[in-house]
PDB file of all heavy atoms in Angstrom:
ATOM      1  N   THR A   1      -6.635 -17.435  36.715  1.00  0.00           N
ATOM      2  CA  THR A   1      -8.006 -17.798  36.353  1.00  0.00           C
ATOM      3  C   THR A   1      -8.000 -18.307  34.913  1.00  0.00           C
ATOM      4  O   THR A   1      -7.008 -18.145  34.178  1.00  0.00           O
ATOM      5  CB  THR A   1      -8.936 -16.581  36.448  1.00  0.00           C
ATOM      6  OG1 THR A   1      -8.526 -15.604  35.470  1.00  0.00           O
ATOM      7  CG2 THR A   1      -8.890 -15.962  37.836  1.00  0.00           C
ATOM      8  N   ALA A   2      -9.107 -18.871  34.491  1.00  0.00           N
ATOM      9  CA  ALA A   2      -9.223 -19.374  33.121  1.00  0.00           C
ATOM     10  C   ALA A   2      -9.039 -18.233  32.120  1.00  0.00           C
ATOM     11  O   ALA A   2      -8.354 -18.393  31.099  1.00  0.00           O
ATOM     12  CB  ALA A   2     -10.580 -20.041  32.914  1.00  0.00           C
ATOM     13  N   ALA A   3      -9.632 -17.078  32.418  1.00  0.00           N
ATOM     14  CA  ALA A   3      -9.533 -15.930  31.507  1.00  0.00           C
ATOM     15  C   ALA A   3      -8.088 -15.439  31.415  1.00  0.00           C
ATOM     16  O   ALA A   3      -7.605 -15.094  30.331  1.00  0.00           O
ATOM     17  CB  ALA A   3     -10.446 -14.797  31.989  1.00  0.00           C
ATOM     18  N   GLN A   4      -7.403 -15.394  32.547  1.00  0.00           N
ATOM     19  CA  GLN A   4      -6.006 -14.946  32.553  1.00  0.00           C
ATOM     20  C   GLN A   4      -5.108 -15.934  31.800  1.00  0.00           C
ATOM     21  O   GLN A   4      -4.191 -15.525  31.079  1.00  0.00           O
ATOM     22  CB  GLN A   4      -5.523 -14.797  34.010  1.00  0.00           C
ATOM     23  CG  GLN A   4      -6.139 -13.629  34.748  1.00  0.00           C
ATOM     24  CD  GLN A   4      -5.790 -13.641  36.239  1.00  0.00           C
ATOM     25  OE1 GLN A   4      -5.616 -14.706  36.847  1.00  0.00           O
ATOM     26  NE2 GLN A   4      -5.695 -12.451  36.832  1.00  0.00           N
ATOM     27  N   THR A   5      -5.375 -17.215  31.973  1.00  0.00           N
ATOM     28  CA  THR A   5      -4.597 -18.241  31.264  1.00  0.00           C
ATOM     29  C   THR A   5      -4.768 -18.091  29.762  1.00  0.00           C
ATOM     30  O   THR A   5      -3.777 -18.107  29.002  1.00  0.00           O
ATOM     31  CB  THR A   5      -5.058 -19.650  31.696  1.00  0.00           C
ATOM     32  OG1 THR A   5      -4.807 -19.819  33.092  1.00  0.00           O
ATOM     33  CG2 THR A   5      -4.334 -20.731  30.903  1.00  0.00           C
ATOM     34  N   ARG A   6      -6.006 -17.938  29.332  1.00  0.00           N
ATOM     35  CA  ARG A   6      -6.287 -17.781  27.905  1.00  0.00           C
ATOM     36  C   ARG A   6      -5.592 -16.539  27.350  1.00  0.00           C
ATOM     37  O   ARG A   6      -5.028 -16.561  26.259  1.00  0.00           O
ATOM     38  CB  ARG A   6      -7.800 -17.701  27.697  1.00  0.00           C
ATOM     39  CG  ARG A   6      -8.248 -17.777  26.249  1.00  0.00           C
ATOM     40  CD  ARG A   6      -9.773 -17.781  26.194  1.00  0.00           C
ATOM     41  NE  ARG A   6     -10.334 -18.968  26.824  1.00  0.00           N
ATOM     42  CZ  ARG A   6     -10.561 -20.109  26.190  1.00  0.00           C
ATOM     43  NH1 ARG A   6     -10.274 -20.193  24.889  1.00  0.00           N
ATOM     44  NH2 ARG A   6     -11.072 -21.136  26.818  1.00  0.00           N
ATOM     45  N   GLU A   7      -5.620 -15.457  28.117  1.00  0.00           N
ATOM     46  CA  GLU A   7      -4.990 -14.213  27.668  1.00  0.00           C
ATOM     47  C   GLU A   7      -3.475 -14.373  27.544  1.00  0.00           C
ATOM     48  O   GLU A   7      -2.866 -13.906  26.570  1.00  0.00           O
ATOM     49  CB  GLU A   7      -5.303 -13.078  28.652  1.00  0.00           C
ATOM     50  CG  GLU A   7      -4.711 -11.735  28.221  1.00  0.00           C
ATOM     51  CD  GLU A   7      -4.933 -10.640  29.245  1.00  0.00           C
ATOM     52  OE1 GLU A   7      -5.311 -10.957  30.402  1.00  0.00           O
ATOM     53  OE2 GLU A   7      -4.717  -9.461  28.908  1.00  0.00           O
ATOM     54  N   GLN A   8      -2.850 -15.044  28.512  1.00  0.00           N
ATOM     55  CA  GLN A   8      -1.395 -15.259  28.484  1.00  0.00           C
ATOM     56  C   GLN A   8      -0.981 -16.024  27.216  1.00  0.00           C
ATOM     57  O   GLN A   8       0.005 -15.678  26.563  1.00  0.00           O
ATOM     58  CB  GLN A   8      -0.957 -16.050  29.716  1.00  0.00           C
ATOM     59  CG  GLN A   8      -0.900 -15.258  31.010  1.00  0.00           C
ATOM     60  CD  GLN A   8       0.364 -14.418  31.132  1.00  0.00           C
ATOM     61  OE1 GLN A   8       1.425 -14.763  30.612  1.00  0.00           O
ATOM     62  NE2 GLN A   8       0.244 -13.288  31.822  1.00  0.00           N
ATOM     63  N   ILE A   9      -1.756 -17.046  26.883  1.00  0.00           N
ATOM     64  CA  ILE A   9      -1.410 -17.883  25.730  1.00  0.00           C
ATOM     65  C   ILE A   9      -1.703 -17.164  24.415  1.00  0.00           C
ATOM     66  O   ILE A   9      -0.843 -17.117  23.516  1.00  0.00           O
ATOM     67  CB  ILE A   9      -2.170 -19.231  25.796  1.00  0.00           C
ATOM     68  CG1 ILE A   9      -1.727 -20.028  27.030  1.00  0.00           C
ATOM     69  CG2 ILE A   9      -1.921 -20.051  24.524  1.00  0.00           C
ATOM     70  CD1 ILE A   9      -2.526 -21.302  27.274  1.00  0.00           C
ATOM     71  N   LEU A  10      -2.904 -16.598  24.292  1.00  0.00           N
ATOM     72  CA  LEU A  10      -3.299 -15.942  23.035  1.00  0.00           C
ATOM     73  C   LEU A  10      -2.433 -14.725  22.725  1.00  0.00           C
ATOM     74  O   LEU A  10      -2.010 -14.520  21.580  1.00  0.00           O
ATOM     75  CB  LEU A  10      -4.773 -15.530  23.101  1.00  0.00           C
ATOM     76  CG  LEU A  10      -5.797 -16.635  22.873  1.00  0.00           C
ATOM     77  CD1 LEU A  10      -7.211 -16.097  23.091  1.00  0.00           C
ATOM     78  CD2 LEU A  10      -5.657 -17.203  21.465  1.00  0.00           C
ATOM     79  N   LYS A  11      -2.171 -13.920  23.749  1.00  0.00           N
ATOM     80  CA  LYS A  11      -1.371 -12.708  23.554  1.00  0.00           C
ATOM     81  C   LYS A  11       0.029 -13.071  23.055  1.00  0.00           C
ATOM     82  O   LYS A  11       0.568 -12.429  22.140  1.00  0.00           O
ATOM     83  CB  LYS A  11      -1.291 -11.921  24.866  1.00  0.00           C
ATOM     84  CG  LYS A  11      -0.718 -10.513  24.726  1.00  0.00           C
ATOM     85  CD  LYS A  11      -0.838  -9.767  26.059  1.00  0.00           C
ATOM     86  CE  LYS A  11      -0.315  -8.343  25.942  1.00  0.00           C
ATOM     87  NZ  LYS A  11      -0.438  -7.616  27.239  1.00  0.00           N
ATOM     88  N   THR A  12       0.602 -14.113  23.637  1.00  0.00           N
ATOM     89  CA  THR A  12       1.945 -14.550  23.224  1.00  0.00           C
ATOM     90  C   THR A  12       1.931 -15.118  21.807  1.00  0.00           C
ATOM     91  O   THR A  12       2.825 -14.822  21.003  1.00  0.00           O
ATOM     92  CB  THR A  12       2.485 -15.594  24.224  1.00  0.00           C
ATOM     93  OG1 THR A  12       2.524 -15.004  25.523  1.00  0.00           O
ATOM     94  CG2 THR A  12       3.873 -16.058  23.830  1.00  0.00           C
ATOM     95  N   ASN A  13       0.924 -15.922  21.494  1.00  0.00           N
ATOM     96  CA  ASN A  13       0.807 -16.455  20.136  1.00  0.00           C
ATOM     97  C   ASN A  13       0.771 -15.344  19.100  1.00  0.00           C
ATOM     98  O   ASN A  13       1.439 -15.409  18.060  1.00  0.00           O
ATOM     99  CB  ASN A  13      -0.454 -17.320  19.998  1.00  0.00           C
ATOM    100  CG  ASN A  13      -0.241 -18.740  20.446  1.00  0.00           C
ATOM    101  OD1 ASN A  13       0.868 -19.136  20.792  1.00  0.00           O
ATOM    102  ND2 ASN A  13      -1.300 -19.528  20.442  1.00  0.00           N
ATOM    103  N   ASN A  14      -0.026 -14.322  19.375  1.00  0.00           N
ATOM    104  CA  ASN A  14      -0.173 -13.213  18.430  1.00  0.00           C
ATOM    105  C   ASN A  14       1.136 -12.459  18.241  1.00  0.00           C
ATOM    106  O   ASN A  14       1.497 -12.079  17.123  1.00  0.00           O
ATOM    107  CB  ASN A  14      -1.271 -12.251  18.908  1.00  0.00           C
ATOM    108  CG  ASN A  14      -2.656 -12.878  18.843  1.00  0.00           C
ATOM    109  OD1 ASN A  14      -2.885 -13.811  18.058  1.00  0.00           O
ATOM    110  ND2 ASN A  14      -3.583 -12.384  19.651  1.00  0.00           N
ATOM    111  N   ILE A  15       1.849 -12.228  19.339  1.00  0.00           N
ATOM    112  CA  ILE A  15       3.116 -11.490  19.264  1.00  0.00           C
ATOM    113  C   ILE A  15       4.166 -12.309  18.516  1.00  0.00           C
ATOM    114  O   ILE A  15       4.902 -11.776  17.676  1.00  0.00           O
ATOM    115  CB  ILE A  15       3.610 -11.121  20.685  1.00  0.00           C
ATOM    116  CG1 ILE A  15       2.694 -10.051  21.279  1.00  0.00           C
ATOM    117  CG2 ILE A  15       5.060 -10.620  20.650  1.00  0.00           C
ATOM    118  CD1 ILE A  15       2.993  -9.716  22.723  1.00  0.00           C
ATOM    119  N   ILE A  16       4.242 -13.611  18.813  1.00  0.00           N
ATOM    120  CA  ILE A  16       5.220 -14.469  18.132  1.00  0.00           C
ATOM    121  C   ILE A  16       4.915 -14.542  16.637  1.00  0.00           C
ATOM    122  O   ILE A  16       5.825 -14.458  15.801  1.00  0.00           O
ATOM    123  CB  ILE A  16       5.224 -15.885  18.753  1.00  0.00           C
ATOM    124  CG1 ILE A  16       5.841 -15.852  20.149  1.00  0.00           C
ATOM    125  CG2 ILE A  16       6.005 -16.870  17.866  1.00  0.00           C
ATOM    126  CD1 ILE A  16       5.793 -17.178  20.891  1.00  0.00           C
ATOM    127  N   GLU A  17       3.643 -14.692  16.291  1.00  0.00           N
ATOM    128  CA  GLU A  17       3.275 -14.781  14.872  1.00  0.00           C
ATOM    129  C   GLU A  17       3.558 -13.474  14.145  1.00  0.00           C
ATOM    130  O   GLU A  17       4.025 -13.473  12.998  1.00  0.00           O
ATOM    131  CB  GLU A  17       1.799 -15.151  14.734  1.00  0.00           C
ATOM    132  CG  GLU A  17       1.405 -15.465  13.304  1.00  0.00           C
ATOM    133  CD  GLU A  17       0.010 -16.055  13.198  1.00  0.00           C
ATOM    134  OE1 GLU A  17      -0.734 -16.066  14.205  1.00  0.00           O
ATOM    135  OE2 GLU A  17      -0.341 -16.511  12.085  1.00  0.00           O
ATOM    136  N   ALA A  18       3.315 -12.336  14.820  1.00  0.00           N
ATOM    137  CA  ALA A  18       3.582 -11.032  14.198  1.00  0.00           C
ATOM    138  C   ALA A  18       5.079 -10.826  13.973  1.00  0.00           C
ATOM    139  O   ALA A  18       5.497 -10.257  12.960  1.00  0.00           O
ATOM    140  CB  ALA A  18       3.033  -9.922  15.096  1.00  0.00           C
ATOM    141  N   ALA A  19       5.905 -11.325  14.891  1.00  0.00           N
ATOM    142  CA  ALA A  19       7.354 -11.119  14.799  1.00  0.00           C
ATOM    143  C   ALA A  19       8.030 -12.113  13.862  1.00  0.00           C
ATOM    144  O   ALA A  19       8.994 -11.770  13.167  1.00  0.00           O
ATOM    145  CB  ALA A  19       7.987 -11.213  16.188  1.00  0.00           C
ATOM    146  N   THR A  20       7.542 -13.346  13.834  1.00  0.00           N
ATOM    147  CA  THR A  20       8.259 -14.399  13.102  1.00  0.00           C
ATOM    148  C   THR A  20       7.486 -15.009  11.933  1.00  0.00           C
ATOM    149  O   THR A  20       8.061 -15.697  11.092  1.00  0.00           O
ATOM    150  CB  THR A  20       8.619 -15.560  14.060  1.00  0.00           C
ATOM    151  OG1 THR A  20       7.407 -16.223  14.470  1.00  0.00           O
ATOM    152  CG2 THR A  20       9.346 -15.045  15.292  1.00  0.00           C
ATOM    153  N   GLY A  21       6.175 -14.799  11.912  1.00  0.00           N
ATOM    154  CA  GLY A  21       5.361 -15.433  10.875  1.00  0.00           C
ATOM    155  C   GLY A  21       4.954 -16.849  11.223  1.00  0.00           C
ATOM    156  O   GLY A  21       4.245 -17.512  10.470  1.00  0.00           O
ATOM    157  N   GLU A  22       5.397 -17.341  12.394  1.00  0.00           N
ATOM    158  CA  GLU A  22       5.092 -18.699  12.833  1.00  0.00           C
ATOM    159  C   GLU A  22       4.051 -18.686  13.951  1.00  0.00           C
ATOM    160  O   GLU A  22       4.151 -17.894  14.887  1.00  0.00           O
ATOM    161  CB  GLU A  22       6.364 -19.396  13.337  1.00  0.00           C
ATOM    162  CG  GLU A  22       7.450 -19.569  12.286  1.00  0.00           C
ATOM    163  CD  GLU A  22       7.050 -20.550  11.199  1.00  0.00           C
ATOM    164  OE1 GLU A  22       6.439 -21.583  11.543  1.00  0.00           O
ATOM    165  OE2 GLU A  22       7.327 -20.284  10.016  1.00  0.00           O
ATOM    166  N   LYS A  23       3.063 -19.578  13.840  1.00  0.00           N
ATOM    167  CA  LYS A  23       2.054 -19.697  14.889  1.00  0.00           C
ATOM    168  C   LYS A  23       2.392 -20.898  15.758  1.00  0.00           C
ATOM    169  O   LYS A  23       2.383 -22.042  15.280  1.00  0.00           O
ATOM    170  CB  LYS A  23       0.664 -19.867  14.276  1.00  0.00           C
ATOM    171  CG  LYS A  23      -0.452 -19.864  15.307  1.00  0.00           C
ATOM    172  CD  LYS A  23      -1.816 -19.924  14.637  1.00  0.00           C
ATOM    173  CE  LYS A  23      -2.927 -19.888  15.684  1.00  0.00           C
ATOM    174  NZ  LYS A  23      -4.272 -19.914  15.057  1.00  0.00           N
ATOM    175  N   PRO A  24       2.698 -20.686  17.035  1.00  0.00           N
ATOM    176  CA  PRO A  24       3.093 -21.803  17.910  1.00  0.00           C
ATOM    177  C   PRO A  24       1.984 -22.847  18.081  1.00  0.00           C
ATOM    178  O   PRO A  24       0.795 -22.499  18.119  1.00  0.00           O
ATOM    179  CB  PRO A  24       3.396 -21.111  19.244  1.00  0.00           C
ATOM    180  CG  PRO A  24       3.687 -19.689  18.885  1.00  0.00           C
ATOM    181  CD  PRO A  24       2.791 -19.390  17.728  1.00  0.00           C
ATOM    182  N   VAL A  25       2.386 -24.097  18.187  1.00  0.00           N
ATOM    183  CA  VAL A  25       1.437 -25.191  18.447  1.00  0.00           C
ATOM    184  C   VAL A  25       1.764 -25.892  19.762  1.00  0.00           C
ATOM    185  O   VAL A  25       1.033 -26.767  20.194  1.00  0.00           O
ATOM    186  CB  VAL A  25       1.432 -26.216  17.292  1.00  0.00           C
ATOM    187  CG1 VAL A  25       0.937 -25.584  16.015  1.00  0.00           C
ATOM    188  CG2 VAL A  25       2.823 -26.817  17.084  1.00  0.00           C
ATOM    189  N   TRP A  26       2.875 -25.485  20.397  1.00  0.00           N
ATOM    190  CA  TRP A  26       3.304 -26.085  21.663  1.00  0.00           C
ATOM    191  C   TRP A  26       3.341 -25.018  22.746  1.00  0.00           C
ATOM    192  O   TRP A  26       3.787 -23.894  22.517  1.00  0.00           O
ATOM    193  CB  TRP A  26       4.688 -26.718  21.530  1.00  0.00           C
ATOM    194  CG  TRP A  26       4.804 -27.698  20.410  1.00  0.00           C
ATOM    195  CD1 TRP A  26       5.400 -27.515  19.203  1.00  0.00           C
ATOM    196  CD2 TRP A  26       4.288 -29.040  20.385  1.00  0.00           C
ATOM    197  NE1 TRP A  26       5.300 -28.636  18.429  1.00  0.00           N
ATOM    198  CE2 TRP A  26       4.624 -29.597  19.124  1.00  0.00           C
ATOM    199  CE3 TRP A  26       3.586 -29.825  21.304  1.00  0.00           C
ATOM    200  CZ2 TRP A  26       4.267 -30.899  18.764  1.00  0.00           C
ATOM    201  CZ3 TRP A  26       3.240 -31.116  20.943  1.00  0.00           C
ATOM    202  CH2 TRP A  26       3.584 -31.636  19.691  1.00  0.00           C
ATOM    203  N   PHE A  27       2.911 -25.378  23.944  1.00  0.00           N
ATOM    204  CA  PHE A  27       2.900 -24.466  25.084  1.00  0.00           C
ATOM    205  C   PHE A  27       3.705 -25.067  26.226  1.00  0.00           C
ATOM    206  O   PHE A  27       3.506 -26.225  26.599  1.00  0.00           O
ATOM    207  CB  PHE A  27       1.460 -24.204  25.539  1.00  0.00           C
ATOM    208  CG  PHE A  27       1.356 -23.450  26.835  1.00  0.00           C
ATOM    209  CD1 PHE A  27       1.875 -22.161  26.954  1.00  0.00           C
ATOM    210  CD2 PHE A  27       0.747 -24.024  27.951  1.00  0.00           C
ATOM    211  CE1 PHE A  27       1.790 -21.462  28.157  1.00  0.00           C
ATOM    212  CE2 PHE A  27       0.646 -23.331  29.151  1.00  0.00           C
ATOM    213  CZ  PHE A  27       1.171 -22.046  29.245  1.00  0.00           C
ATOM    214  N   ALA A  28       4.649 -24.280  26.760  1.00  0.00           N
ATOM    215  CA  ALA A  28       5.454 -24.718  27.898  1.00  0.00           C
ATOM    216  C   ALA A  28       5.206 -23.758  29.069  1.00  0.00           C
ATOM    217  O   ALA A  28       5.666 -22.619  29.046  1.00  0.00           O
ATOM    218  CB  ALA A  28       6.938 -24.716  27.537  1.00  0.00           C
ATOM    219  N   PRO A  29       4.466 -24.173  30.087  1.00  0.00           N
ATOM    220  CA  PRO A  29       4.181 -23.281  31.216  1.00  0.00           C
ATOM    221  C   PRO A  29       5.435 -22.946  32.015  1.00  0.00           C
ATOM    222  O   PRO A  29       6.274 -23.826  32.249  1.00  0.00           O
ATOM    223  CB  PRO A  29       3.190 -24.100  32.057  1.00  0.00           C
ATOM    224  CG  PRO A  29       3.401 -25.516  31.662  1.00  0.00           C
ATOM    225  CD  PRO A  29       3.838 -25.498  30.241  1.00  0.00           C
ATOM    226  N   PRO A  30       5.608 -21.690  32.402  1.00  0.00           N
ATOM    227  CA  PRO A  30       6.791 -21.280  33.173  1.00  0.00           C
ATOM    228  C   PRO A  30       6.970 -22.123  34.435  1.00  0.00           C
ATOM    229  O   PRO A  30       6.002 -22.405  35.156  1.00  0.00           O
ATOM    230  CB  PRO A  30       6.492 -19.819  33.526  1.00  0.00           C
ATOM    231  CG  PRO A  30       5.563 -19.364  32.449  1.00  0.00           C
ATOM    232  CD  PRO A  30       4.718 -20.555  32.118  1.00  0.00           C
ATOM    233  N   SER A  31       8.204 -22.547  34.659  1.00  0.00           N
ATOM    234  CA  SER A  31       8.566 -23.348  35.835  1.00  0.00           C
ATOM    235  C   SER A  31       7.808 -24.666  35.908  1.00  0.00           C
ATOM    236  O   SER A  31       7.801 -25.326  36.957  1.00  0.00           O
ATOM    237  CB  SER A  31       8.339 -22.551  37.136  1.00  0.00           C
ATOM    238  OG  SER A  31       9.031 -21.324  37.083  1.00  0.00           O
ATOM    239  N   GLY A  32       7.152 -25.039  34.821  1.00  0.00           N
ATOM    240  CA  GLY A  32       6.404 -26.296  34.805  1.00  0.00           C
ATOM    241  C   GLY A  32       5.174 -26.277  35.690  1.00  0.00           C
ATOM    242  O   GLY A  32       4.646 -27.320  36.073  1.00  0.00           O
ATOM    243  N   SER A  33       4.696 -25.078  36.024  1.00  0.00           N
ATOM    244  CA  SER A  33       3.547 -24.953  36.923  1.00  0.00           C
ATOM    245  C   SER A  33       2.240 -24.896  36.119  1.00  0.00           C
ATOM    246  O   SER A  33       2.086 -24.059  35.233  1.00  0.00           O
ATOM    247  CB  SER A  33       3.697 -23.700  37.783  1.00  0.00           C
ATOM    248  OG  SER A  33       2.570 -23.538  38.620  1.00  0.00           O
ATOM    249  N   TYR A  34       1.308 -25.780  36.445  1.00  0.00           N
ATOM    250  CA  TYR A  34       0.019 -25.798  35.752  1.00  0.00           C
ATOM    251  C   TYR A  34      -1.000 -26.550  36.607  1.00  0.00           C
ATOM    252  O   TYR A  34      -0.651 -27.205  37.587  1.00  0.00           O
ATOM    253  CB  TYR A  34       0.157 -26.494  34.406  1.00  0.00           C
ATOM    254  CG  TYR A  34       0.440 -27.984  34.506  1.00  0.00           C
ATOM    255  CD1 TYR A  34      -0.596 -28.916  34.582  1.00  0.00           C
ATOM    256  CD2 TYR A  34       1.749 -28.469  34.556  1.00  0.00           C
ATOM    257  CE1 TYR A  34      -0.344 -30.275  34.697  1.00  0.00           C
ATOM    258  CE2 TYR A  34       2.014 -29.822  34.673  1.00  0.00           C
ATOM    259  CZ  TYR A  34       0.961 -30.722  34.743  1.00  0.00           C
ATOM    260  OH  TYR A  34       1.221 -32.068  34.868  1.00  0.00           O
ATOM    261  N   ARG A  35      -2.248 -26.455  36.222  1.00  0.00           N
ATOM    262  CA  ARG A  35      -3.290 -27.331  36.758  1.00  0.00           C
ATOM    263  C   ARG A  35      -4.066 -27.892  35.569  1.00  0.00           C
ATOM    264  O   ARG A  35      -3.839 -27.468  34.426  1.00  0.00           O
ATOM    265  CB  ARG A  35      -4.186 -26.588  37.746  1.00  0.00           C
ATOM    266  CG  ARG A  35      -5.004 -25.450  37.183  1.00  0.00           C
ATOM    267  CD  ARG A  35      -5.915 -24.901  38.319  1.00  0.00           C
ATOM    268  NE  ARG A  35      -6.874 -23.938  37.816  1.00  0.00           N
ATOM    269  CZ  ARG A  35      -6.653 -22.639  37.708  1.00  0.00           C
ATOM    270  NH1 ARG A  35      -5.446 -22.155  38.042  1.00  0.00           N
ATOM    271  NH2 ARG A  35      -7.585 -21.833  37.261  1.00  0.00           N
ATOM    272  N   ASP A  36      -4.956 -28.814  35.807  1.00  0.00           N
ATOM    273  CA  ASP A  36      -5.663 -29.474  34.710  1.00  0.00           C
ATOM    274  C   ASP A  36      -6.335 -28.468  33.780  1.00  0.00           C
ATOM    275  O   ASP A  36      -6.355 -28.641  32.557  1.00  0.00           O
ATOM    276  CB  ASP A  36      -6.709 -30.444  35.260  1.00  0.00           C
ATOM    277  CG  ASP A  36      -6.086 -31.684  35.893  1.00  0.00           C
ATOM    278  OD1 ASP A  36      -4.873 -31.919  35.653  1.00  0.00           O
ATOM    279  OD2 ASP A  36      -6.792 -32.405  36.617  1.00  0.00           O
ATOM    280  N   GLU A  37      -6.888 -27.401  34.358  1.00  0.00           N
ATOM    281  CA  GLU A  37      -7.583 -26.396  33.545  1.00  0.00           C
ATOM    282  C   GLU A  37      -6.622 -25.711  32.569  1.00  0.00           C
ATOM    283  O   GLU A  37      -6.995 -25.376  31.452  1.00  0.00           O
ATOM    284  CB  GLU A  37      -8.235 -25.345  34.453  1.00  0.00           C
ATOM    285  CG  GLU A  37      -9.131 -24.377  33.687  1.00  0.00           C
ATOM    286  CD  GLU A  37      -9.812 -23.368  34.599  1.00  0.00           C
ATOM    287  OE1 GLU A  37      -9.161 -22.906  35.569  1.00  0.00           O
ATOM    288  OE2 GLU A  37     -10.974 -23.040  34.347  1.00  0.00           O
ATOM    289  N   THR A  38      -5.355 -25.548  32.984  1.00  0.00           N
ATOM    290  CA  THR A  38      -4.346 -24.935  32.107  1.00  0.00           C
ATOM    291  C   THR A  38      -4.184 -25.765  30.843  1.00  0.00           C
ATOM    292  O   THR A  38      -4.163 -25.239  29.720  1.00  0.00           O
ATOM    293  CB  THR A  38      -2.982 -24.855  32.830  1.00  0.00           C
ATOM    294  OG1 THR A  38      -3.153 -24.338  34.148  1.00  0.00           O
ATOM    295  CG2 THR A  38      -2.008 -23.984  32.033  1.00  0.00           C
ATOM    296  N   ILE A  39      -4.077 -27.079  31.008  1.00  0.00           N
ATOM    297  CA  ILE A  39      -3.885 -27.994  29.880  1.00  0.00           C
ATOM    298  C   ILE A  39      -5.114 -27.981  28.979  1.00  0.00           C
ATOM    299  O   ILE A  39      -4.997 -28.010  27.748  1.00  0.00           O
ATOM    300  CB  ILE A  39      -3.616 -29.434  30.389  1.00  0.00           C
ATOM    301  CG1 ILE A  39      -2.544 -29.447  31.479  1.00  0.00           C
ATOM    302  CG2 ILE A  39      -3.231 -30.336  29.226  1.00  0.00           C
ATOM    303  CD1 ILE A  39      -1.217 -28.914  31.066  1.00  0.00           C
ATOM    304  N   LYS A  40      -6.295 -27.944  29.589  1.00  0.00           N
ATOM    305  CA  LYS A  40      -7.541 -27.943  28.811  1.00  0.00           C
ATOM    306  C   LYS A  40      -7.693 -26.675  27.985  1.00  0.00           C
ATOM    307  O   LYS A  40      -8.139 -26.716  26.832  1.00  0.00           O
ATOM    308  CB  LYS A  40      -8.739 -28.110  29.747  1.00  0.00           C
ATOM    309  CG  LYS A  40      -8.844 -29.492  30.371  1.00  0.00           C
ATOM    310  CD  LYS A  40     -10.017 -29.578  31.345  1.00  0.00           C
ATOM    311  CE  LYS A  40     -10.080 -30.954  31.990  1.00  0.00           C
ATOM    312  NZ  LYS A  40     -11.182 -31.037  32.998  1.00  0.00           N
ATOM    313  N   ILE A  41      -7.322 -25.546  28.563  1.00  0.00           N
ATOM    314  CA  ILE A  41      -7.434 -24.279  27.831  1.00  0.00           C
ATOM    315  C   ILE A  41      -6.472 -24.268  26.650  1.00  0.00           C
ATOM    316  O   ILE A  41      -6.831 -23.849  25.541  1.00  0.00           O
ATOM    317  CB  ILE A  41      -7.174 -23.078  28.769  1.00  0.00           C
ATOM    318  CG1 ILE A  41      -8.319 -22.954  29.779  1.00  0.00           C
ATOM    319  CG2 ILE A  41      -7.008 -21.786  27.969  1.00  0.00           C
ATOM    320  CD1 ILE A  41      -8.076 -21.948  30.872  1.00  0.00           C
TER     321      ILE A  41
END
């Protein structure tokens, strides 16, 4: 769902930034699976 997609991305961004100090600007969906809403979010 849109909410789950947002949570997957935001949660990962926060963890990566906390561990490395870097905030990601690129998103690579697992297995290349996405729909238009994924890209928009």
